[in-house]
């Protein structure tokens, strides 16, 4: 299992990195099929003198992604809160899908990366994301969207290998966009 830690608008201190590695490493005992974990720590400036820290964790379980985000005035408390939420998401995942137990533990490798400040990013694109898409049904895409906490999800249809989007409508139901080329 690999743990990646990135910091934005703050310098990542060694003790905070060690604390995060320790907390996130414990997620492996809940689910041993985790491929990698990514933690993004963000320091947000507020009107008061006290900054607010955001912690966002993404967990990859054999291509299935789960995400959680929490904020607190203390960076360690934000890490604790986001880890607690992720534990509940993993528990929900295990209940929904029968998960095989007893696989061997892997070594934890950590990769620390500093994220460039927002001023160095292009003005027209705030954030770029790349992810591997695999064919799935619309129902599987809705489940993935729910575990990520998103309002939409892009996927490749397992029927015709076309790019589709599922999204949550304002009435709480789901929509499906299937583009047709001219």
Protein backbone atom coordinates (compact mmCIF):
# COMPACT_ATOMS: atom_id res chain seq x y z
CA UNK A 1 0.00 0.00 0.00
CA UNK A 2 1.25 3.45 -0.87
CA UNK A 3 0.42 6.61 1.08
CA UNK A 4 0.85 9.92 -0.75
CA UNK A 5 0.70 13.16 1.20
CA UNK A 6 0.43 16.57 -0.46
CA UNK A 7 0.31 20.00 1.18
CA UNK A 8 -1.09 23.20 -0.28
CA UNK A 9 -0.64 26.71 1.15
CA UNK A 10 1.39 25.26 4.01
CA UNK A 11 4.72 23.65 4.74
CA UNK A 12 4.32 20.01 5.66
CA UNK A 13 6.10 19.41 8.96
CA UNK A 14 7.77 16.06 9.60
CA UNK A 15 5.74 15.33 12.76
CA UNK A 16 2.45 16.02 10.95
CA UNK A 17 3.51 13.75 8.07
CA UNK A 18 4.42 10.96 10.53
CA UNK A 19 1.11 11.44 12.37
CA UNK A 20 -0.85 11.23 9.09
CA UNK A 21 1.06 8.14 7.95
CA UNK A 22 0.31 6.43 11.25
CA UNK A 23 -3.42 7.27 11.17
CA UNK A 24 -3.90 6.39 7.49
CA UNK A 25 -1.83 3.22 7.79
CA UNK A 26 -4.44 1.92 10.22
CA UNK A 27 -7.04 1.94 7.43
CA UNK A 28 -5.29 -1.12 6.03
CA UNK A 29 -6.47 -3.20 9.00
CA UNK A 30 -10.07 -2.42 8.02
CA UNK A 31 -9.58 -3.38 4.37
CA UNK A 32 -6.45 -5.08 3.14
CA UNK A 33 -7.20 -4.64 -0.59
CA UNK A 34 -6.39 -0.90 -0.52
CA UNK A 35 -4.05 -0.05 -3.42
CA UNK A 36 -3.13 3.49 -2.36
CA UNK A 37 -4.21 6.36 -0.13
CA UNK A 38 -3.79 10.05 -0.95
CA UNK A 39 -4.06 12.80 1.66
CA UNK A 40 -4.29 16.46 0.65
CA UNK A 41 -3.74 18.95 3.46
CA UNK A 42 -4.82 22.54 2.76
CA UNK A 43 -4.38 25.58 4.97
CA UNK A 44 -7.19 28.06 4.34
CA UNK A 45 -6.85 31.66 5.38
CA UNK A 46 -9.83 33.10 7.25
CA UNK A 47 -10.83 36.56 8.42
CA UNK A 48 -9.79 35.63 11.92
CA UNK A 49 -6.14 35.06 12.74
CA UNK A 50 -6.70 31.34 13.20
CA UNK A 51 -6.28 29.34 9.96
CA UNK A 52 -8.56 26.43 9.06
CA UNK A 53 -7.02 23.18 7.86
CA UNK A 54 -8.74 20.96 5.33
CA UNK A 55 -7.90 17.28 4.99
CA UNK A 56 -9.10 15.32 1.99
CA UNK A 57 -8.45 11.57 1.74
CA UNK A 58 -8.89 9.47 -1.38
CA UNK A 59 -8.63 5.69 -1.06
CA UNK A 60 -8.23 3.36 -4.05
CA UNK A 61 -9.54 -0.16 -3.49
CA UNK A 62 -8.64 -2.07 -6.65
CA UNK A 63 -9.84 0.80 -8.86
CA UNK A 64 -12.86 1.74 -6.72
CA UNK A 65 -12.38 5.21 -5.24
CA UNK A 66 -13.68 6.56 -1.93
CA UNK A 67 -13.21 10.14 -0.79
CA UNK A 68 -13.76 12.11 2.40
CA UNK A 69 -13.07 15.73 3.34
CA UNK A 70 -13.07 17.41 6.76
CA UNK A 71 -11.96 20.79 8.17
CA UNK A 72 -10.74 21.89 11.58
CA UNK A 73 -8.68 24.65 13.21
CA UNK A 74 -6.08 22.02 14.16
CA UNK A 75 -4.38 20.02 11.40
CA UNK A 76 -4.21 16.85 13.52
CA UNK A 77 -7.90 17.11 14.41
CA UNK A 78 -8.72 17.46 10.69
CA UNK A 79 -6.67 14.30 9.98
CA UNK A 80 -8.47 12.47 12.80
CA UNK A 81 -11.90 13.54 11.53
CA UNK A 82 -11.24 12.60 7.91
CA UNK A 83 -9.84 9.22 8.98
CA UNK A 84 -12.95 8.52 11.08
CA UNK A 85 -15.21 9.29 8.13
CA UNK A 86 -13.10 7.09 5.86
CA UNK A 87 -13.36 4.22 8.34
CA UNK A 88 -17.16 4.47 8.12
CA UNK A 89 -17.02 4.58 4.30
CA UNK A 90 -14.80 1.49 4.23
CA UNK A 91 -17.23 -0.27 6.57
CA UNK A 92 -20.12 0.63 4.24
CA UNK A 93 -18.09 -0.61 1.26
CA UNK A 94 -17.37 -3.93 3.01
CA UNK A 95 -21.06 -4.41 3.83
CA UNK A 96 -22.14 -3.66 0.27
CA UNK A 97 -19.51 -5.84 -1.39
CA UNK A 98 -18.37 -9.11 0.10
CA UNK A 99 -14.69 -8.50 0.70
CA UNK A 100 -12.23 -11.37 0.94
CA UNK A 101 -10.18 -11.38 4.12
CA UNK A 102 -6.75 -12.73 4.95
CA UNK A 103 -4.56 -11.22 2.23
CA UNK A 104 -0.92 -10.50 3.03
CA UNK A 105 0.12 -7.07 4.26
CA UNK A 106 2.18 -4.92 1.93
CA UNK A 107 4.88 -2.45 2.86
CA UNK A 108 3.80 1.15 3.28
CA UNK A 109 5.60 3.57 0.98
CA UNK A 110 5.09 7.28 1.36
CA UNK A 111 5.45 9.91 -1.32
CA UNK A 112 5.36 13.54 -0.24
CA UNK A 113 4.66 16.15 -2.85
CA UNK A 114 4.33 19.89 -2.50
CA UNK A 115 1.45 21.32 -4.51
CA UNK A 116 2.19 24.56 -6.34
CA UNK A 117 0.43 27.63 -4.93
CA UNK A 118 -2.70 28.65 -6.80
CA UNK A 119 -1.01 31.78 -8.19
CA UNK A 120 1.33 29.57 -10.26
CA UNK A 121 -1.53 27.65 -11.87
CA UNK A 122 -3.06 28.79 -15.19
CA UNK A 123 -5.87 31.33 -14.79
CA UNK A 124 -8.37 29.48 -17.00
CA UNK A 125 -8.03 26.04 -15.37
CA UNK A 126 -8.24 25.81 -11.60
CA UNK A 127 -7.54 22.13 -11.21
CA UNK A 128 -6.72 19.24 -13.52
CA UNK A 129 -7.52 15.63 -12.73
CA UNK A 130 -6.57 12.46 -14.53
CA UNK A 131 -8.00 9.09 -13.69
CA UNK A 132 -8.18 5.68 -15.26
CA UNK A 133 -11.60 4.81 -16.62
CA UNK A 134 -12.82 1.28 -16.94
CA UNK A 135 -16.04 0.04 -18.52
CA UNK A 136 -18.97 -0.14 -16.11
CA UNK A 137 -22.74 0.00 -15.99
CA UNK A 138 -24.64 3.18 -15.14
CA UNK A 139 -25.60 1.61 -11.79
CA UNK A 140 -21.94 0.96 -10.93
CA UNK A 141 -21.10 4.55 -11.93
CA UNK A 142 -23.81 5.88 -9.57
CA UNK A 143 -22.35 3.80 -6.71
CA UNK A 144 -18.85 5.12 -7.47
CA UNK A 145 -20.21 8.69 -7.59
CA UNK A 146 -21.87 8.22 -4.19
CA UNK A 147 -18.68 6.88 -2.57
CA UNK A 148 -16.75 9.84 -3.96
CA UNK A 149 -19.34 12.33 -2.75
CA UNK A 150 -19.65 13.95 -6.19
CA UNK A 151 -22.68 15.28 -8.04
CA UNK A 152 -21.56 13.73 -11.34
CA UNK A 153 -19.30 10.95 -12.58
CA UNK A 154 -17.71 10.35 -15.98
CA UNK A 155 -17.38 6.70 -17.06
CA UNK A 156 -17.04 4.41 -20.07
CA UNK A 157 -20.17 2.39 -20.85
CA UNK A 158 -19.66 -1.37 -20.77
CA UNK A 159 -22.26 -1.74 -23.54
CA UNK A 160 -20.75 0.33 -26.34
CA UNK A 161 -17.47 1.75 -24.88
CA UNK A 162 -18.79 5.32 -25.19
CA UNK A 163 -18.10 8.05 -22.67
CA UNK A 164 -21.12 8.72 -20.44
CA UNK A 165 -21.90 10.89 -17.42
CA UNK A 166 -24.23 10.15 -14.53
CA UNK A 167 -25.33 13.06 -12.36
CA UNK A 168 -27.51 13.81 -9.35
CA UNK A 169 -30.52 15.93 -10.21
CA UNK A 170 -31.96 18.60 -7.90
CA UNK A 171 -34.91 16.30 -7.13
CA UNK A 172 -32.48 13.65 -5.80
CA UNK A 173 -32.88 11.29 -8.75
CA UNK A 174 -30.09 10.45 -11.18
CA UNK A 175 -29.58 11.43 -14.80
CA UNK A 176 -27.50 9.84 -17.56
CA UNK A 177 -25.84 11.77 -20.39
CA UNK A 178 -24.95 9.71 -23.47
CA UNK A 179 -23.30 11.91 -26.12
CA UNK A 180 -23.81 11.27 -29.81
CA UNK A 181 -21.25 12.44 -32.34
CA UNK A 182 -22.35 14.35 -35.44
